[in-house]
């Protein structure tokens, strides 16, 4: 279920890296270690207080590598912390990246083509105007979204596939990537996305994620319930296979 996460974890530095901060906000989780990075905050759907996270109040005493392994956890809050920790350890070669919004790339590449999007992003309406077909697949469908079970039907038909990085947190990524046609353009996007070239070996064409460049501003806005456009101190970065 989590072979891709295991492969990413194998790329992290062996020397333990101390954790400076762990912030679990309403929408975003932040971990500051070697670098400062984000993940979506996911929570379980059980009764209030049902999903208890480990080591609350003590997470910052662990190494970033220990927290990164929490990405494998079935507890969604722990997995959110784990992905942020994993992302905080990644070395980014910004010479291979451009500062561009993922929606610009998707709009450019999907004009007149079949587009499948996993995750209901704010730019959906814009994509429906440019793509031949735009199929939106969501765990919690909204409007004319398709349920997650529809992925097996629509992703293989798509010329362009955009998958939320949150699929790493809820452990669905390993099932989604094999549904993409070998010739399809595949993007993983959102702040949870690990900007690791390793993912290009799994058929991914574009990685579009973020890096925190002003930790204080990011923490302040995340703690106050920011949705992503409201998060301050973050740089958007996109990396293409074969670039650089």
C-alpha atoms as a PDB file:
ATOM      1  CA  UNK A   1       0.000   0.000   0.000  1.00  0.00           C
ATOM      2  CA  UNK A   2       2.823   2.378   0.708  1.00  0.00           C
ATOM      3  CA  UNK A   3       5.713   1.195  -1.490  1.00  0.00           C
ATOM      4  CA  UNK A   4       6.191   4.680  -2.922  1.00  0.00           C
ATOM      5  CA  UNK A   5       6.422   6.233   0.537  1.00  0.00           C
ATOM      6  CA  UNK A   6       8.927   3.573   1.580  1.00  0.00           C
ATOM      7  CA  UNK A   7      11.031   4.437  -1.473  1.00  0.00           C
ATOM      8  CA  UNK A   8      10.914   8.145  -0.610  1.00  0.00           C
ATOM      9  CA  UNK A   9      11.900   7.433   2.990  1.00  0.00           C
ATOM     10  CA  UNK A  10      14.949   5.536   1.724  1.00  0.00           C
ATOM     11  CA  UNK A  11      16.212   8.740   0.059  1.00  0.00           C
ATOM     12  CA  UNK A  12      16.356  10.748   3.310  1.00  0.00           C
ATOM     13  CA  UNK A  13      19.680  11.516   5.017  1.00  0.00           C
ATOM     14  CA  UNK A  14      20.832   8.893   7.533  1.00  0.00           C
ATOM     15  CA  UNK A  15      22.274  11.337  10.066  1.00  0.00           C
ATOM     16  CA  UNK A  16      19.416  12.262  12.466  1.00  0.00           C
ATOM     17  CA  UNK A  17      18.119  15.797  11.928  1.00  0.00           C
ATOM     18  CA  UNK A  18      16.544  17.558  14.922  1.00  0.00           C
ATOM     19  CA  UNK A  19      12.991  18.889  14.722  1.00  0.00           C
ATOM     20  CA  UNK A  20      12.533  22.556  15.581  1.00  0.00           C
ATOM     21  CA  UNK A  21       8.769  22.894  15.368  1.00  0.00           C
ATOM     22  CA  UNK A  22       5.641  20.871  14.673  1.00  0.00           C
ATOM     23  CA  UNK A  23       2.454  22.819  13.967  1.00  0.00           C
ATOM     24  CA  UNK A  24      -0.786  20.959  13.238  1.00  0.00           C
ATOM     25  CA  UNK A  25      -3.202  23.570  11.911  1.00  0.00           C
ATOM     26  CA  UNK A  26      -6.798  23.313  10.780  1.00  0.00           C
ATOM     27  CA  UNK A  27      -5.838  22.845   7.114  1.00  0.00           C
ATOM     28  CA  UNK A  28      -2.035  22.556   7.063  1.00  0.00           C
ATOM     29  CA  UNK A  29       0.647  20.806   9.073  1.00  0.00           C
ATOM     30  CA  UNK A  30       4.122  22.336   9.244  1.00  0.00           C
ATOM     31  CA  UNK A  31       7.377  20.701  10.310  1.00  0.00           C
ATOM     32  CA  UNK A  32      10.606  22.655  10.633  1.00  0.00           C
ATOM     33  CA  UNK A  33      13.783  20.569  10.640  1.00  0.00           C
ATOM     34  CA  UNK A  34      16.577  20.889   8.059  1.00  0.00           C
ATOM     35  CA  UNK A  35      14.099  22.950   6.062  1.00  0.00           C
ATOM     36  CA  UNK A  36      10.509  23.974   6.728  1.00  0.00           C
ATOM     37  CA  UNK A  37       7.732  22.216   4.820  1.00  0.00           C
ATOM     38  CA  UNK A  38       4.018  21.512   4.731  1.00  0.00           C
ATOM     39  CA  UNK A  39       1.450  18.772   4.350  1.00  0.00           C
ATOM     40  CA  UNK A  40      -2.326  18.790   4.288  1.00  0.00           C
ATOM     41  CA  UNK A  41      -3.850  18.162   7.711  1.00  0.00           C
ATOM     42  CA  UNK A  42      -6.138  15.154   7.450  1.00  0.00           C
ATOM     43  CA  UNK A  43      -8.220  13.831  10.322  1.00  0.00           C
ATOM     44  CA  UNK A  44     -10.219  10.666  10.796  1.00  0.00           C
ATOM     45  CA  UNK A  45     -13.975  10.523  10.319  1.00  0.00           C
ATOM     46  CA  UNK A  46     -14.634   8.747  13.617  1.00  0.00           C
ATOM     47  CA  UNK A  47     -16.150  10.168  16.805  1.00  0.00           C
ATOM     48  CA  UNK A  48     -14.636  13.356  18.224  1.00  0.00           C
ATOM     49  CA  UNK A  49     -11.412  12.550  20.075  1.00  0.00           C
ATOM     50  CA  UNK A  50     -11.365   9.002  18.718  1.00  0.00           C
ATOM     51  CA  UNK A  51      -8.081   9.134  16.747  1.00  0.00           C
ATOM     52  CA  UNK A  52      -5.407   9.827  19.359  1.00  0.00           C
ATOM     53  CA  UNK A  53      -2.000  10.857  17.998  1.00  0.00           C
ATOM     54  CA  UNK A  54       1.228   9.624  19.520  1.00  0.00           C
ATOM     55  CA  UNK A  55       3.607  11.782  21.502  1.00  0.00           C
ATOM     56  CA  UNK A  56       1.538  14.970  21.528  1.00  0.00           C
ATOM     57  CA  UNK A  57       3.645  17.702  23.135  1.00  0.00           C
ATOM     58  CA  UNK A  58       6.830  15.690  22.536  1.00  0.00           C
ATOM     59  CA  UNK A  59       7.011  15.387  18.740  1.00  0.00           C
ATOM     60  CA  UNK A  60       9.715  18.065  18.563  1.00  0.00           C
ATOM     61  CA  UNK A  61      11.990  15.836  20.674  1.00  0.00           C
ATOM     62  CA  UNK A  62      12.142  13.239  17.883  1.00  0.00           C
ATOM     63  CA  UNK A  63      14.387  13.310  14.847  1.00  0.00           C
ATOM     64  CA  UNK A  64      12.851  14.436  11.577  1.00  0.00           C
ATOM     65  CA  UNK A  65      13.515  10.968  10.172  1.00  0.00           C
ATOM     66  CA  UNK A  66      11.487   9.375  12.991  1.00  0.00           C
ATOM     67  CA  UNK A  67       8.591  11.715  12.314  1.00  0.00           C
ATOM     68  CA  UNK A  68       8.878  11.148   8.553  1.00  0.00           C
ATOM     69  CA  UNK A  69       8.143   7.452   9.082  1.00  0.00           C
ATOM     70  CA  UNK A  70       4.793   8.495  10.515  1.00  0.00           C
ATOM     71  CA  UNK A  71       3.780   9.074   6.883  1.00  0.00           C
ATOM     72  CA  UNK A  72       3.116   5.318   6.862  1.00  0.00           C
ATOM     73  CA  UNK A  73       0.649   5.567   9.776  1.00  0.00           C
ATOM     74  CA  UNK A  74      -3.035   4.731   9.397  1.00  0.00           C
ATOM     75  CA  UNK A  75      -3.710   7.593  11.830  1.00  0.00           C
ATOM     76  CA  UNK A  76      -4.284  10.486   9.409  1.00  0.00           C
ATOM     77  CA  UNK A  77      -2.993  13.204  11.752  1.00  0.00           C
ATOM     78  CA  UNK A  78       0.211  11.235  12.269  1.00  0.00           C
ATOM     79  CA  UNK A  79       0.487  10.691   8.507  1.00  0.00           C
ATOM     80  CA  UNK A  80       0.065  14.449   7.987  1.00  0.00           C
ATOM     81  CA  UNK A  81       2.934  15.134  10.396  1.00  0.00           C
ATOM     82  CA  UNK A  82       4.967  12.425   8.680  1.00  0.00           C
ATOM     83  CA  UNK A  83       4.569  13.932   5.210  1.00  0.00           C
ATOM     84  CA  UNK A  84       5.492  17.421   6.430  1.00  0.00           C
ATOM     85  CA  UNK A  85       8.578  15.946   8.143  1.00  0.00           C
ATOM     86  CA  UNK A  86       9.539  14.001   5.033  1.00  0.00           C
ATOM     87  CA  UNK A  87       9.215  17.146   2.917  1.00  0.00           C
ATOM     88  CA  UNK A  88      11.294  19.123   5.437  1.00  0.00           C
ATOM     89  CA  UNK A  89      14.244  16.810   4.818  1.00  0.00           C
ATOM     90  CA  UNK A  90      14.305  16.954   1.017  1.00  0.00           C
ATOM     91  CA  UNK A  91      17.156  18.758  -0.687  1.00  0.00           C
ATOM     92  CA  UNK A  92      15.695  20.894  -3.481  1.00  0.00           C
ATOM     93  CA  UNK A  93      17.705  21.790  -6.549  1.00  0.00           C
ATOM     94  CA  UNK A  94      15.916  25.019  -7.388  1.00  0.00           C
ATOM     95  CA  UNK A  95      17.903  25.311 -10.613  1.00  0.00           C
ATOM     96  CA  UNK A  96      15.648  22.484 -11.861  1.00  0.00           C
ATOM     97  CA  UNK A  97      12.487  24.312 -10.836  1.00  0.00           C
ATOM     98  CA  UNK A  98      10.406  27.262 -11.876  1.00  0.00           C
ATOM     99  CA  UNK A  99       8.151  29.401  -9.711  1.00  0.00           C
ATOM    100  CA  UNK A 100       4.834  28.819 -11.430  1.00  0.00           C
ATOM    101  CA  UNK A 101       1.367  27.915 -10.238  1.00  0.00           C
ATOM    102  CA  UNK A 102       0.323  24.347 -11.024  1.00  0.00           C
ATOM    103  CA  UNK A 103      -2.953  25.567 -12.540  1.00  0.00           C
ATOM    104  CA  UNK A 104      -1.052  27.458 -15.248  1.00  0.00           C
ATOM    105  CA  UNK A 105       0.779  24.290 -16.268  1.00  0.00           C
ATOM    106  CA  UNK A 106      -2.395  22.184 -16.251  1.00  0.00           C
ATOM    107  CA  UNK A 107      -4.323  24.753 -18.315  1.00  0.00           C
ATOM    108  CA  UNK A 108      -1.506  24.907 -20.865  1.00  0.00           C
ATOM    109  CA  UNK A 109      -1.069  21.153 -21.187  1.00  0.00           C
ATOM    110  CA  UNK A 110      -4.744  20.096 -21.146  1.00  0.00           C
ATOM    111  CA  UNK A 111      -6.177  22.495 -23.764  1.00  0.00           C
ATOM    112  CA  UNK A 112      -8.465  20.436 -25.993  1.00  0.00           C
ATOM    113  CA  UNK A 113      -7.509  17.192 -24.215  1.00  0.00           C
ATOM    114  CA  UNK A 114      -9.036  14.789 -21.701  1.00  0.00           C
ATOM    115  CA  UNK A 115      -8.138  15.851 -18.161  1.00  0.00           C
ATOM    116  CA  UNK A 116      -8.618  13.869 -14.936  1.00  0.00           C
ATOM    117  CA  UNK A 117      -8.091  15.692 -11.643  1.00  0.00           C
ATOM    118  CA  UNK A 118      -7.916  13.855  -8.325  1.00  0.00           C
ATOM    119  CA  UNK A 119      -8.934  16.401  -5.697  1.00  0.00           C
ATOM    120  CA  UNK A 120     -11.384  19.314  -5.951  1.00  0.00           C
ATOM    121  CA  UNK A 121      -9.088  22.293  -6.503  1.00  0.00           C
ATOM    122  CA  UNK A 122     -10.216  25.945  -6.717  1.00  0.00           C
ATOM    123  CA  UNK A 123      -9.205  26.080 -10.409  1.00  0.00           C
ATOM    124  CA  UNK A 124     -11.636  23.348 -11.539  1.00  0.00           C
ATOM    125  CA  UNK A 125     -14.066  25.718 -13.310  1.00  0.00           C
ATOM    126  CA  UNK A 126     -11.192  27.242 -15.289  1.00  0.00           C
ATOM    127  CA  UNK A 127     -10.040  23.794 -16.464  1.00  0.00           C
ATOM    128  CA  UNK A 128     -13.527  22.838 -17.608  1.00  0.00           C
ATOM    129  CA  UNK A 129     -13.358  25.762 -20.051  1.00  0.00           C
ATOM    130  CA  UNK A 130     -10.099  24.662 -21.687  1.00  0.00           C
ATOM    131  CA  UNK A 131     -10.108  20.842 -21.542  1.00  0.00           C
ATOM    132  CA  UNK A 132     -12.097  18.647 -23.925  1.00  0.00           C
ATOM    133  CA  UNK A 133     -13.354  16.675 -20.928  1.00  0.00           C
ATOM    134  CA  UNK A 134     -12.551  17.411 -17.282  1.00  0.00           C
ATOM    135  CA  UNK A 135     -13.292  14.624 -14.828  1.00  0.00           C
ATOM    136  CA  UNK A 136     -12.892  15.515 -11.154  1.00  0.00           C
ATOM    137  CA  UNK A 137     -12.519  12.622  -8.716  1.00  0.00           C
ATOM    138  CA  UNK A 138     -12.978  13.244  -5.006  1.00  0.00           C
ATOM    139  CA  UNK A 139     -13.189  11.220  -1.791  1.00  0.00           C
ATOM    140  CA  UNK A 140     -15.963  13.614  -0.754  1.00  0.00           C
ATOM    141  CA  UNK A 141     -17.589  14.569  -4.072  1.00  0.00           C
ATOM    142  CA  UNK A 142     -18.865  18.113  -4.529  1.00  0.00           C
ATOM    143  CA  UNK A 143     -21.256  19.188  -7.306  1.00  0.00           C
ATOM    144  CA  UNK A 144     -20.611  17.040 -10.378  1.00  0.00           C
ATOM    145  CA  UNK A 145     -17.436  15.442  -8.985  1.00  0.00           C
ATOM    146  CA  UNK A 146     -17.083  11.688  -9.353  1.00  0.00           C
ATOM    147  CA  UNK A 147     -16.498   9.431  -6.299  1.00  0.00           C
ATOM    148  CA  UNK A 148     -13.065   7.900  -5.790  1.00  0.00           C
ATOM    149  CA  UNK A 149     -14.264   4.578  -7.223  1.00  0.00           C
ATOM    150  CA  UNK A 150     -14.528   6.297 -10.619  1.00  0.00           C
ATOM    151  CA  UNK A 151     -10.745   6.721 -10.812  1.00  0.00           C
ATOM    152  CA  UNK A 152     -10.368   3.332 -12.513  1.00  0.00           C
ATOM    153  CA  UNK A 153     -12.760   4.448 -15.268  1.00  0.00           C
ATOM    154  CA  UNK A 154     -11.614   7.982 -16.007  1.00  0.00           C
ATOM    155  CA  UNK A 155      -7.867   8.149 -15.291  1.00  0.00           C
ATOM    156  CA  UNK A 156      -7.016   5.599 -18.049  1.00  0.00           C
ATOM    157  CA  UNK A 157      -8.923   7.798 -20.534  1.00  0.00           C
ATOM    158  CA  UNK A 158      -7.040  10.970 -19.625  1.00  0.00           C
ATOM    159  CA  UNK A 159      -4.271  12.634 -21.638  1.00  0.00           C
ATOM    160  CA  UNK A 160      -3.412  14.771 -18.600  1.00  0.00           C
ATOM    161  CA  UNK A 161      -3.761  13.588 -14.973  1.00  0.00           C
ATOM    162  CA  UNK A 162      -3.391  15.911 -11.984  1.00  0.00           C
ATOM    163  CA  UNK A 163      -3.254  14.193  -8.589  1.00  0.00           C
ATOM    164  CA  UNK A 164      -3.308  15.955  -5.237  1.00  0.00           C
ATOM    165  CA  UNK A 165      -0.253  15.349  -3.084  1.00  0.00           C
ATOM    166  CA  UNK A 166      -2.710  14.569  -0.289  1.00  0.00           C
ATOM    167  CA  UNK A 167      -2.925  11.115  -1.881  1.00  0.00           C
ATOM    168  CA  UNK A 168       0.399  10.408  -0.155  1.00  0.00           C
ATOM    169  CA  UNK A 169      -1.149  11.239   3.227  1.00  0.00           C
ATOM    170  CA  UNK A 170      -4.187   8.987   2.789  1.00  0.00           C
ATOM    171  CA  UNK A 171      -2.100   6.273   1.089  1.00  0.00           C
ATOM    172  CA  UNK A 172      -4.006   6.218  -2.209  1.00  0.00           C
ATOM    173  CA  UNK A 173      -1.142   7.329  -4.467  1.00  0.00           C
ATOM    174  CA  UNK A 174       0.159   3.800  -5.059  1.00  0.00           C
ATOM    175  CA  UNK A 175      -3.220   2.845  -6.517  1.00  0.00           C
ATOM    176  CA  UNK A 176      -3.649   5.982  -8.644  1.00  0.00           C
ATOM    177  CA  UNK A 177      -0.368   6.216 -10.554  1.00  0.00           C
ATOM    178  CA  UNK A 178      -0.658   2.763 -12.212  1.00  0.00           C
ATOM    179  CA  UNK A 179      -4.032   3.840 -13.692  1.00  0.00           C
ATOM    180  CA  UNK A 180      -2.313   6.520 -15.811  1.00  0.00           C
ATOM    181  CA  UNK A 181      -1.518   5.657 -19.426  1.00  0.00           C
ATOM    182  CA  UNK A 182       2.244   5.512 -20.114  1.00  0.00           C
ATOM    183  CA  UNK A 183       1.956   8.412 -22.569  1.00  0.00           C
ATOM    184  CA  UNK A 184      -0.169  10.583 -20.261  1.00  0.00           C
ATOM    185  CA  UNK A 185       1.217  13.768 -18.745  1.00  0.00           C
ATOM    186  CA  UNK A 186       1.014  13.258 -14.977  1.00  0.00           C
ATOM    187  CA  UNK A 187       1.307  15.988 -12.358  1.00  0.00           C
ATOM    188  CA  UNK A 188       1.332  15.681  -8.575  1.00  0.00           C
ATOM    189  CA  UNK A 189       0.457  19.010  -6.996  1.00  0.00           C
ATOM    190  CA  UNK A 190      -0.178  20.772  -3.731  1.00  0.00           C
ATOM    191  CA  UNK A 191       1.883  21.518  -0.618  1.00  0.00           C
ATOM    192  CA  UNK A 192       1.967  17.849   0.440  1.00  0.00           C
ATOM    193  CA  UNK A 193       3.851  16.940  -2.748  1.00  0.00           C
ATOM    194  CA  UNK A 194       7.400  15.647  -2.153  1.00  0.00           C
ATOM    195  CA  UNK A 195       9.634  17.522  -4.613  1.00  0.00           C
ATOM    196  CA  UNK A 196      11.783  14.449  -5.166  1.00  0.00           C
ATOM    197  CA  UNK A 197      13.121  13.409  -8.611  1.00  0.00           C
ATOM    198  CA  UNK A 198      12.521   9.804  -7.506  1.00  0.00           C
ATOM    199  CA  UNK A 199       8.863  10.265  -8.471  1.00  0.00           C
ATOM    200  CA  UNK A 200       9.838  10.718 -12.117  1.00  0.00           C
ATOM    201  CA  UNK A 201      10.780   7.018 -12.100  1.00  0.00           C
ATOM    202  CA  UNK A 202       7.118   6.239 -11.424  1.00  0.00           C
ATOM    203  CA  UNK A 203       5.708   7.931 -14.520  1.00  0.00           C
ATOM    204  CA  UNK A 204       5.271  11.433 -13.094  1.00  0.00           C
ATOM    205  CA  UNK A 205       5.956  14.331 -15.500  1.00  0.00           C
ATOM    206  CA  UNK A 206       5.537  17.373 -13.239  1.00  0.00           C
ATOM    207  CA  UNK A 207       5.886  17.916  -9.503  1.00  0.00           C
ATOM    208  CA  UNK A 208       4.313  21.111  -8.221  1.00  0.00           C
ATOM    209  CA  UNK A 209       4.754  21.778  -4.520  1.00  0.00           C
ATOM    210  CA  UNK A 210       6.018  24.398  -2.108  1.00  0.00           C
ATOM    211  CA  UNK A 211       8.754  25.365   0.308  1.00  0.00           C
ATOM    212  CA  UNK A 212       8.369  27.618   3.331  1.00  0.00           C
ATOM    213  CA  UNK A 213      10.700  30.616   3.062  1.00  0.00           C
ATOM    214  CA  UNK A 214       9.323  32.683   5.974  1.00  0.00           C
ATOM    215  CA  UNK A 215       8.648  30.294   8.844  1.00  0.00           C
ATOM    216  CA  UNK A 216       7.175  32.888  11.197  1.00  0.00           C
ATOM    217  CA  UNK A 217       4.659  34.139   8.625  1.00  0.00           C
ATOM    218  CA  UNK A 218       3.678  30.601   7.649  1.00  0.00           C
ATOM    219  CA  UNK A 219       3.132  29.523  11.269  1.00  0.00           C
ATOM    220  CA  UNK A 220       1.113  32.633  12.103  1.00  0.00           C
ATOM    221  CA  UNK A 221      -1.302  32.148   9.202  1.00  0.00           C
ATOM    222  CA  UNK A 222      -1.561  28.359   9.548  1.00  0.00           C
ATOM    223  CA  UNK A 223      -2.360  28.665  13.263  1.00  0.00           C
ATOM    224  CA  UNK A 224      -5.142  31.102  12.386  1.00  0.00           C
ATOM    225  CA  UNK A 225      -6.851  28.636  10.040  1.00  0.00           C
ATOM    226  CA  UNK A 226      -5.487  29.744   6.649  1.00  0.00           C
ATOM    227  CA  UNK A 227      -6.523  27.955   3.502  1.00  0.00           C
ATOM    228  CA  UNK A 228      -3.566  27.670   1.140  1.00  0.00           C
ATOM    229  CA  UNK A 229      -3.940  30.999  -0.719  1.00  0.00           C
ATOM    230  CA  UNK A 230      -3.880  32.667   2.723  1.00  0.00           C
ATOM    231  CA  UNK A 231      -0.683  30.957   3.893  1.00  0.00           C
ATOM    232  CA  UNK A 232       2.126  33.513   3.909  1.00  0.00           C
ATOM    233  CA  UNK A 233       5.835  32.903   3.535  1.00  0.00           C
ATOM    234  CA  UNK A 234       5.570  30.071   1.011  1.00  0.00           C
ATOM    235  CA  UNK A 235       7.193  29.756  -2.404  1.00  0.00           C
ATOM    236  CA  UNK A 236       5.485  27.671  -5.114  1.00  0.00           C
ATOM    237  CA  UNK A 237       7.869  25.469  -7.094  1.00  0.00           C
ATOM    238  CA  UNK A 238       7.353  23.224 -10.112  1.00  0.00           C
ATOM    239  CA  UNK A 239       9.820  20.660 -11.422  1.00  0.00           C
ATOM    240  CA  UNK A 240       9.565  18.832 -14.745  1.00  0.00           C
ATOM    241  CA  UNK A 241      11.010  15.441 -15.644  1.00  0.00           C
ATOM    242  CA  UNK A 242      14.198  15.868 -17.636  1.00  0.00           C
ATOM    243  CA  UNK A 243      14.562  19.526 -16.665  1.00  0.00           C
ATOM    244  CA  UNK A 244      17.955  20.816 -15.561  1.00  0.00           C
END
